[in-house]
Amino acid sequence: MIQENLSPNELMQIHEMLNLKTVCAATSKMMEGVVFDQDLKALLEKDAKQSIQDLQTLQGLCSKAPKMN
């Protein structure tokens, strides 16, 4: 039988990853405007886009959390 809901511990871990990825995305976006090296700027852009995709995936996982009444 496949479990559809997340345990409280799993949900807490996902929230921790959400926090980390939010900081990563914000830092990369902020640094894009500060750096002058084009290779580094491209790497920061790529990191920001990947972090945003990861955030969307993690948010989708949060939808599997049991609803609290």
PDB file of N, CA and C in Angstrom:
ATOM      1  N   MET A   1       0.846  -1.188   0.000  1.00  0.00           N
ATOM      2  CA  MET A   1       0.000   0.000   0.000  1.00  0.00           C
ATOM      3  C   MET A   1       0.890   1.249   0.000  1.00  0.00           C
ATOM      4  N   ILE A   2       0.602   2.173  -0.880  1.00  0.00           N
ATOM      5  CA  ILE A   2       1.372   3.409  -0.981  1.00  0.00           C
ATOM      6  C   ILE A   2       0.751   4.469  -0.084  1.00  0.00           C
ATOM      7  N   GLN A   3       1.612   5.088   0.726  1.00  0.00           N
ATOM      8  CA  GLN A   3       1.126   6.139   1.622  1.00  0.00           C
ATOM      9  C   GLN A   3       0.999   7.443   0.841  1.00  0.00           C
ATOM     10  N   GLU A   4      -0.154   8.079   0.903  1.00  0.00           N
ATOM     11  CA  GLU A   4      -0.424   9.306   0.157  1.00  0.00           C
ATOM     12  C   GLU A   4      -0.014  10.559   0.917  1.00  0.00           C
ATOM     13  N   ASN A   5      -0.034  10.494   2.245  1.00  0.00           N
ATOM     14  CA  ASN A   5       0.258  11.672   3.059  1.00  0.00           C
ATOM     15  C   ASN A   5       1.686  11.646   3.580  1.00  0.00           C
ATOM     16  N   LEU A   6       2.187  12.818   3.912  1.00  0.00           N
ATOM     17  CA  LEU A   6       3.511  12.946   4.507  1.00  0.00           C
ATOM     18  C   LEU A   6       3.405  12.884   6.019  1.00  0.00           C
ATOM     19  N   SER A   7       4.430  12.360   6.639  1.00  0.00           N
ATOM     20  CA  SER A   7       4.474  12.376   8.099  1.00  0.00           C
ATOM     21  C   SER A   7       4.880  13.783   8.546  1.00  0.00           C
ATOM     22  N   PRO A   8       4.616  14.129   9.804  1.00  0.00           N
ATOM     23  CA  PRO A   8       5.025  15.459  10.292  1.00  0.00           C
ATOM     24  C   PRO A   8       6.531  15.697  10.143  1.00  0.00           C
ATOM     25  N   ASN A   9       7.337  14.650  10.357  1.00  0.00           N
ATOM     26  CA  ASN A   9       8.782  14.797  10.215  1.00  0.00           C
ATOM     27  C   ASN A   9       9.169  15.098   8.767  1.00  0.00           C
ATOM     28  N   GLU A  10       8.540  14.405   7.828  1.00  0.00           N
ATOM     29  CA  GLU A  10       8.828  14.655   6.411  1.00  0.00           C
ATOM     30  C   GLU A  10       8.423  16.076   6.019  1.00  0.00           C
ATOM     31  N   LEU A  11       7.290  16.519   6.516  1.00  0.00           N
ATOM     32  CA  LEU A  11       6.838  17.875   6.216  1.00  0.00           C
ATOM     33  C   LEU A  11       7.808  18.913   6.776  1.00  0.00           C
ATOM     34  N   MET A  12       8.326  18.668   7.982  1.00  0.00           N
ATOM     35  CA  MET A  12       9.292  19.586   8.576  1.00  0.00           C
ATOM     36  C   MET A  12      10.569  19.636   7.731  1.00  0.00           C
ATOM     37  N   GLN A  13      11.016  18.493   7.247  1.00  0.00           N
ATOM     38  CA  GLN A  13      12.217  18.460   6.412  1.00  0.00           C
ATOM     39  C   GLN A  13      12.000  19.202   5.097  1.00  0.00           C
ATOM     40  N   ILE A  14      10.817  19.069   4.526  1.00  0.00           N
ATOM     41  CA  ILE A  14      10.512  19.795   3.286  1.00  0.00           C
ATOM     42  C   ILE A  14      10.516  21.300   3.551  1.00  0.00           C
ATOM     43  N   HIS A  15       9.971  21.712   4.684  1.00  0.00           N
ATOM     44  CA  HIS A  15       9.981  23.138   5.023  1.00  0.00           C
ATOM     45  C   HIS A  15      11.409  23.656   5.199  1.00  0.00           C
ATOM     46  N   GLU A  16      12.275  22.842   5.768  1.00  0.00           N
ATOM     47  CA  GLU A  16      13.675  23.237   5.899  1.00  0.00           C
ATOM     48  C   GLU A  16      14.333  23.392   4.535  1.00  0.00           C
ATOM     49  N   MET A  17      14.020  22.470   3.616  1.00  0.00           N
ATOM     50  CA  MET A  17      14.559  22.584   2.259  1.00  0.00           C
ATOM     51  C   MET A  17      13.995  23.805   1.536  1.00  0.00           C
ATOM     52  N   LEU A  18      12.707  24.095   1.769  1.00  0.00           N
ATOM     53  CA  LEU A  18      12.101  25.297   1.187  1.00  0.00           C
ATOM     54  C   LEU A  18      12.829  26.551   1.659  1.00  0.00           C
ATOM     55  N   ASN A  19      13.128  26.609   2.947  1.00  0.00           N
ATOM     56  CA  ASN A  19      13.862  27.761   3.485  1.00  0.00           C
ATOM     57  C   ASN A  19      15.230  27.888   2.847  1.00  0.00           C
ATOM     58  N   LEU A  20      15.951  26.774   2.730  1.00  0.00           N
ATOM     59  CA  LEU A  20      17.285  26.791   2.139  1.00  0.00           C
ATOM     60  C   LEU A  20      17.228  27.241   0.678  1.00  0.00           C
ATOM     61  N   LYS A  21      16.310  26.677  -0.089  1.00  0.00           N
ATOM     62  CA  LYS A  21      16.209  27.026  -1.507  1.00  0.00           C
ATOM     63  C   LYS A  21      15.764  28.474  -1.708  1.00  0.00           C
ATOM     64  N   THR A  22      14.951  28.994  -0.791  1.00  0.00           N
ATOM     65  CA  THR A  22      14.540  30.393  -0.874  1.00  0.00           C
ATOM     66  C   THR A  22      15.748  31.305  -0.686  1.00  0.00           C
ATOM     67  N   VAL A  23      16.583  30.974   0.281  1.00  0.00           N
ATOM     68  CA  VAL A  23      17.800  31.762   0.519  1.00  0.00           C
ATOM     69  C   VAL A  23      18.740  31.648  -0.677  1.00  0.00           C
ATOM     70  N   CYS A  24      18.879  30.448  -1.244  1.00  0.00           N
ATOM     71  CA  CYS A  24      19.743  30.253  -2.415  1.00  0.00           C
ATOM     72  C   CYS A  24      19.264  31.098  -3.599  1.00  0.00           C
ATOM     73  N   ALA A  25      17.974  31.069  -3.860  1.00  0.00           N
ATOM     74  CA  ALA A  25      17.421  31.827  -4.991  1.00  0.00           C
ATOM     75  C   ALA A  25      17.602  33.325  -4.773  1.00  0.00           C
ATOM     76  N   ALA A  26      17.326  33.791  -3.567  1.00  0.00           N
ATOM     77  CA  ALA A  26      17.453  35.221  -3.275  1.00  0.00           C
ATOM     78  C   ALA A  26      18.903  35.677  -3.380  1.00  0.00           C
ATOM     79  N   THR A  27      19.824  34.872  -2.871  1.00  0.00           N
ATOM     80  CA  THR A  27      21.240  35.229  -2.925  1.00  0.00           C
ATOM     81  C   THR A  27      21.736  35.280  -4.366  1.00  0.00           C
ATOM     82  N   SER A  28      21.379  34.278  -5.152  1.00  0.00           N
ATOM     83  CA  SER A  28      21.811  34.258  -6.552  1.00  0.00           C
ATOM     84  C   SER A  28      21.251  35.449  -7.327  1.00  0.00           C
ATOM     85  N   LYS A  29      19.976  35.755  -7.107  1.00  0.00           N
ATOM     86  CA  LYS A  29      19.366  36.894  -7.801  1.00  0.00           C
ATOM     87  C   LYS A  29      20.045  38.203  -7.392  1.00  0.00           C
ATOM     88  N   MET A  30      20.330  38.351  -6.105  1.00  0.00           N
ATOM     89  CA  MET A  30      20.975  39.566  -5.621  1.00  0.00           C
ATOM     90  C   MET A  30      22.381  39.704  -6.198  1.00  0.00           C
ATOM     91  N   MET A  31      23.120  38.612  -6.235  1.00  0.00           N
ATOM     92  CA  MET A  31      24.509  38.656  -6.698  1.00  0.00           C
ATOM     93  C   MET A  31      24.599  38.895  -8.208  1.00  0.00           C
ATOM     94  N   GLU A  32      23.558  38.533  -8.951  1.00  0.00           N
ATOM     95  CA  GLU A  32      23.564  38.768 -10.399  1.00  0.00           C
ATOM     96  C   GLU A  32      23.805  40.234 -10.723  1.00  0.00           C
ATOM     97  N   GLY A  33      23.225  41.123  -9.931  1.00  0.00           N
ATOM     98  CA  GLY A  33      23.363  42.552 -10.185  1.00  0.00           C
ATOM     99  C   GLY A  33      24.683  43.141  -9.729  1.00  0.00           C
ATOM    100  N   VAL A  34      25.451  42.376  -8.964  1.00  0.00           N
ATOM    101  CA  VAL A  34      26.696  42.890  -8.385  1.00  0.00           C
ATOM    102  C   VAL A  34      27.926  42.446  -9.174  1.00  0.00           C
ATOM    103  N   VAL A  35      27.876  41.253  -9.754  1.00  0.00           N
ATOM    104  CA  VAL A  35      29.059  40.718 -10.433  1.00  0.00           C
ATOM    105  C   VAL A  35      29.179  41.276 -11.849  1.00  0.00           C
ATOM    106  N   PHE A  36      30.408  41.352 -12.312  1.00  0.00           N
ATOM    107  CA  PHE A  36      30.672  41.872 -13.657  1.00  0.00           C
ATOM    108  C   PHE A  36      31.147  40.785 -14.616  1.00  0.00           C
ATOM    109  N   ASP A  37      31.650  39.675 -14.084  1.00  0.00           N
ATOM    110  CA  ASP A  37      32.109  38.574 -14.910  1.00  0.00           C
ATOM    111  C   ASP A  37      30.894  37.879 -15.530  1.00  0.00           C
ATOM    112  N   GLN A  38      30.881  37.774 -16.856  1.00  0.00           N
ATOM    113  CA  GLN A  38      29.718  37.223 -17.557  1.00  0.00           C
ATOM    114  C   GLN A  38      29.526  35.735 -17.284  1.00  0.00           C
ATOM    115  N   ASP A  39      30.628  34.995 -17.131  1.00  0.00           N
ATOM    116  CA  ASP A  39      30.505  33.569 -16.833  1.00  0.00           C
ATOM    117  C   ASP A  39      29.878  33.353 -15.459  1.00  0.00           C
ATOM    118  N   LEU A  40      30.314  34.133 -14.484  1.00  0.00           N
ATOM    119  CA  LEU A  40      29.759  34.028 -13.142  1.00  0.00           C
ATOM    120  C   LEU A  40      28.301  34.467 -13.132  1.00  0.00           C
ATOM    121  N   LYS A  41      27.993  35.510 -13.877  1.00  0.00           N
ATOM    122  CA  LYS A  41      26.610  35.986 -13.956  1.00  0.00           C
ATOM    123  C   LYS A  41      25.703  34.908 -14.561  1.00  0.00           C
ATOM    124  N   ALA A  42      26.190  34.232 -15.596  1.00  0.00           N
ATOM    125  CA  ALA A  42      25.413  33.160 -16.222  1.00  0.00           C
ATOM    126  C   ALA A  42      25.214  31.999 -15.248  1.00  0.00           C
ATOM    127  N   LEU A  43      26.231  31.687 -14.473  1.00  0.00           N
ATOM    128  CA  LEU A  43      26.118  30.624 -13.480  1.00  0.00           C
ATOM    129  C   LEU A  43      25.110  30.982 -12.395  1.00  0.00           C
ATOM    130  N   LEU A  44      25.110  32.233 -11.965  1.00  0.00           N
ATOM    131  CA  LEU A  44      24.152  32.691 -10.957  1.00  0.00           C
ATOM    132  C   LEU A  44      22.728  32.654 -11.503  1.00  0.00           C
ATOM    133  N   GLU A  45      22.548  33.037 -12.759  1.00  0.00           N
ATOM    134  CA  GLU A  45      21.224  32.967 -13.396  1.00  0.00           C
ATOM    135  C   GLU A  45      20.722  31.531 -13.440  1.00  0.00           C
ATOM    136  N   LYS A  46      21.616  30.624 -13.828  1.00  0.00           N
ATOM    137  CA  LYS A  46      21.256  29.216 -13.903  1.00  0.00           C
ATOM    138  C   LYS A  46      20.884  28.684 -12.515  1.00  0.00           C
ATOM    139  N   ASP A  47      21.645  29.080 -11.497  1.00  0.00           N
ATOM    140  CA  ASP A  47      21.358  28.639 -10.130  1.00  0.00           C
ATOM    141  C   ASP A  47      20.016  29.183  -9.647  1.00  0.00           C
ATOM    142  N   ALA A  48      19.732  30.435  -9.962  1.00  0.00           N
ATOM    143  CA  ALA A  48      18.456  31.030  -9.543  1.00  0.00           C
ATOM    144  C   ALA A  48      17.279  30.310 -10.201  1.00  0.00           C
ATOM    145  N   LYS A  49      17.394  30.012 -11.495  1.00  0.00           N
ATOM    146  CA  LYS A  49      16.316  29.302 -12.201  1.00  0.00           C
ATOM    147  C   LYS A  49      16.119  27.904 -11.626  1.00  0.00           C
ATOM    148  N   GLN A  50      17.221  27.206 -11.343  1.00  0.00           N
ATOM    149  CA  GLN A  50      17.114  25.864 -10.781  1.00  0.00           C
ATOM    150  C   GLN A  50      16.496  25.910  -9.383  1.00  0.00           C
ATOM    151  N   SER A  51      16.865  26.903  -8.592  1.00  0.00           N
ATOM    152  CA  SER A  51      16.301  27.041  -7.247  1.00  0.00           C
ATOM    153  C   SER A  51      14.796  27.290  -7.304  1.00  0.00           C
ATOM    154  N   ILE A  52      14.359  28.083  -8.268  1.00  0.00           N
ATOM    155  CA  ILE A  52      12.931  28.364  -8.418  1.00  0.00           C
ATOM    156  C   ILE A  52      12.179  27.089  -8.812  1.00  0.00           C
ATOM    157  N   GLN A  53      12.764  26.292  -9.707  1.00  0.00           N
ATOM    158  CA  GLN A  53      12.135  25.020 -10.083  1.00  0.00           C
ATOM    159  C   GLN A  53      12.067  24.079  -8.876  1.00  0.00           C
ATOM    160  N   ASP A  54      13.143  24.044  -8.097  1.00  0.00           N
ATOM    161  CA  ASP A  54      13.157  23.200  -6.897  1.00  0.00           C
ATOM    162  C   ASP A  54      12.093  23.653  -5.903  1.00  0.00           C
ATOM    163  N   LEU A  55      11.925  24.965  -5.758  1.00  0.00           N
ATOM    164  CA  LEU A  55      10.902  25.489  -4.850  1.00  0.00           C
ATOM    165  C   LEU A  55       9.510  25.034  -5.288  1.00  0.00           C
ATOM    166  N   GLN A  56       9.246  25.074  -6.585  1.00  0.00           N
ATOM    167  CA  GLN A  56       7.946  24.647  -7.087  1.00  0.00           C
ATOM    168  C   GLN A  56       7.712  23.160  -6.829  1.00  0.00           C
ATOM    169  N   THR A  57       8.749  22.356  -6.990  1.00  0.00           N
ATOM    170  CA  THR A  57       8.639  20.924  -6.725  1.00  0.00           C
ATOM    171  C   THR A  57       8.357  20.672  -5.247  1.00  0.00           C
ATOM    172  N   LEU A  58       9.088  21.358  -4.379  1.00  0.00           N
ATOM    173  CA  LEU A  58       8.890  21.187  -2.946  1.00  0.00           C
ATOM    174  C   LEU A  58       7.503  21.654  -2.503  1.00  0.00           C
ATOM    175  N   GLN A  59       7.008  22.729  -3.107  1.00  0.00           N
ATOM    176  CA  GLN A  59       5.667  23.194  -2.778  1.00  0.00           C
ATOM    177  C   GLN A  59       4.623  22.160  -3.187  1.00  0.00           C
ATOM    178  N   GLY A  60       4.867  21.485  -4.298  1.00  0.00           N
ATOM    179  CA  GLY A  60       3.962  20.422  -4.727  1.00  0.00           C
ATOM    180  C   GLY A  60       3.936  19.276  -3.729  1.00  0.00           C
ATOM    181  N   LEU A  61       5.095  18.969  -3.157  1.00  0.00           N
ATOM    182  CA  LEU A  61       5.146  17.915  -2.137  1.00  0.00           C
ATOM    183  C   LEU A  61       4.369  18.308  -0.888  1.00  0.00           C
ATOM    184  N   CYS A  62       4.389  19.599  -0.570  1.00  0.00           N
ATOM    185  CA  CYS A  62       3.660  20.066   0.619  1.00  0.00           C
ATOM    186  C   CYS A  62       2.155  19.845   0.479  1.00  0.00           C
ATOM    187  N   SER A  63       1.677  19.772  -0.734  1.00  0.00           N
ATOM    188  CA  SER A  63       0.241  19.547  -0.934  1.00  0.00           C
ATOM    189  C   SER A  63      -0.185  18.151  -0.491  1.00  0.00           C
ATOM    190  N   LYS A  64       0.788  17.245  -0.300  1.00  0.00           N
ATOM    191  CA  LYS A  64       0.486  15.894   0.159  1.00  0.00           C
ATOM    192  C   LYS A  64       0.394  15.822   1.674  1.00  0.00           C
ATOM    193  N   ALA A  65       0.610  16.935   2.340  1.00  0.00           N
ATOM    194  CA  ALA A  65       0.542  16.955   3.803  1.00  0.00           C
ATOM    195  C   ALA A  65      -0.902  16.815   4.255  1.00  0.00           C
ATOM    196  N   PRO A  66      -1.123  16.138   5.357  1.00  0.00           N
ATOM    197  CA  PRO A  66      -2.505  16.019   5.846  1.00  0.00           C
ATOM    198  C   PRO A  66      -3.064  17.378   6.250  1.00  0.00           C
ATOM    199  N   LYS A  67      -4.329  17.571   5.981  1.00  0.00           N
ATOM    200  CA  LYS A  67      -4.978  18.846   6.286  1.00  0.00           C
ATOM    201  C   LYS A  67      -5.330  18.895   7.778  1.00  0.00           C
ATOM    202  N   MET A  68      -5.034  20.025   8.388  1.00  0.00           N
ATOM    203  CA  MET A  68      -5.361  20.226   9.813  1.00  0.00           C
ATOM    204  C   MET A  68      -6.663  20.978   9.914  1.00  0.00           C
ATOM    205  N   ASN A  69      -7.537  20.563  10.789  1.00  0.00           N
ATOM    206  CA  ASN A  69      -8.829  21.246  10.996  1.00  0.00           C
ATOM    207  C   ASN A  69      -8.809  22.031  12.266  1.00  0.00           C
TER     208      ASN A  69
END
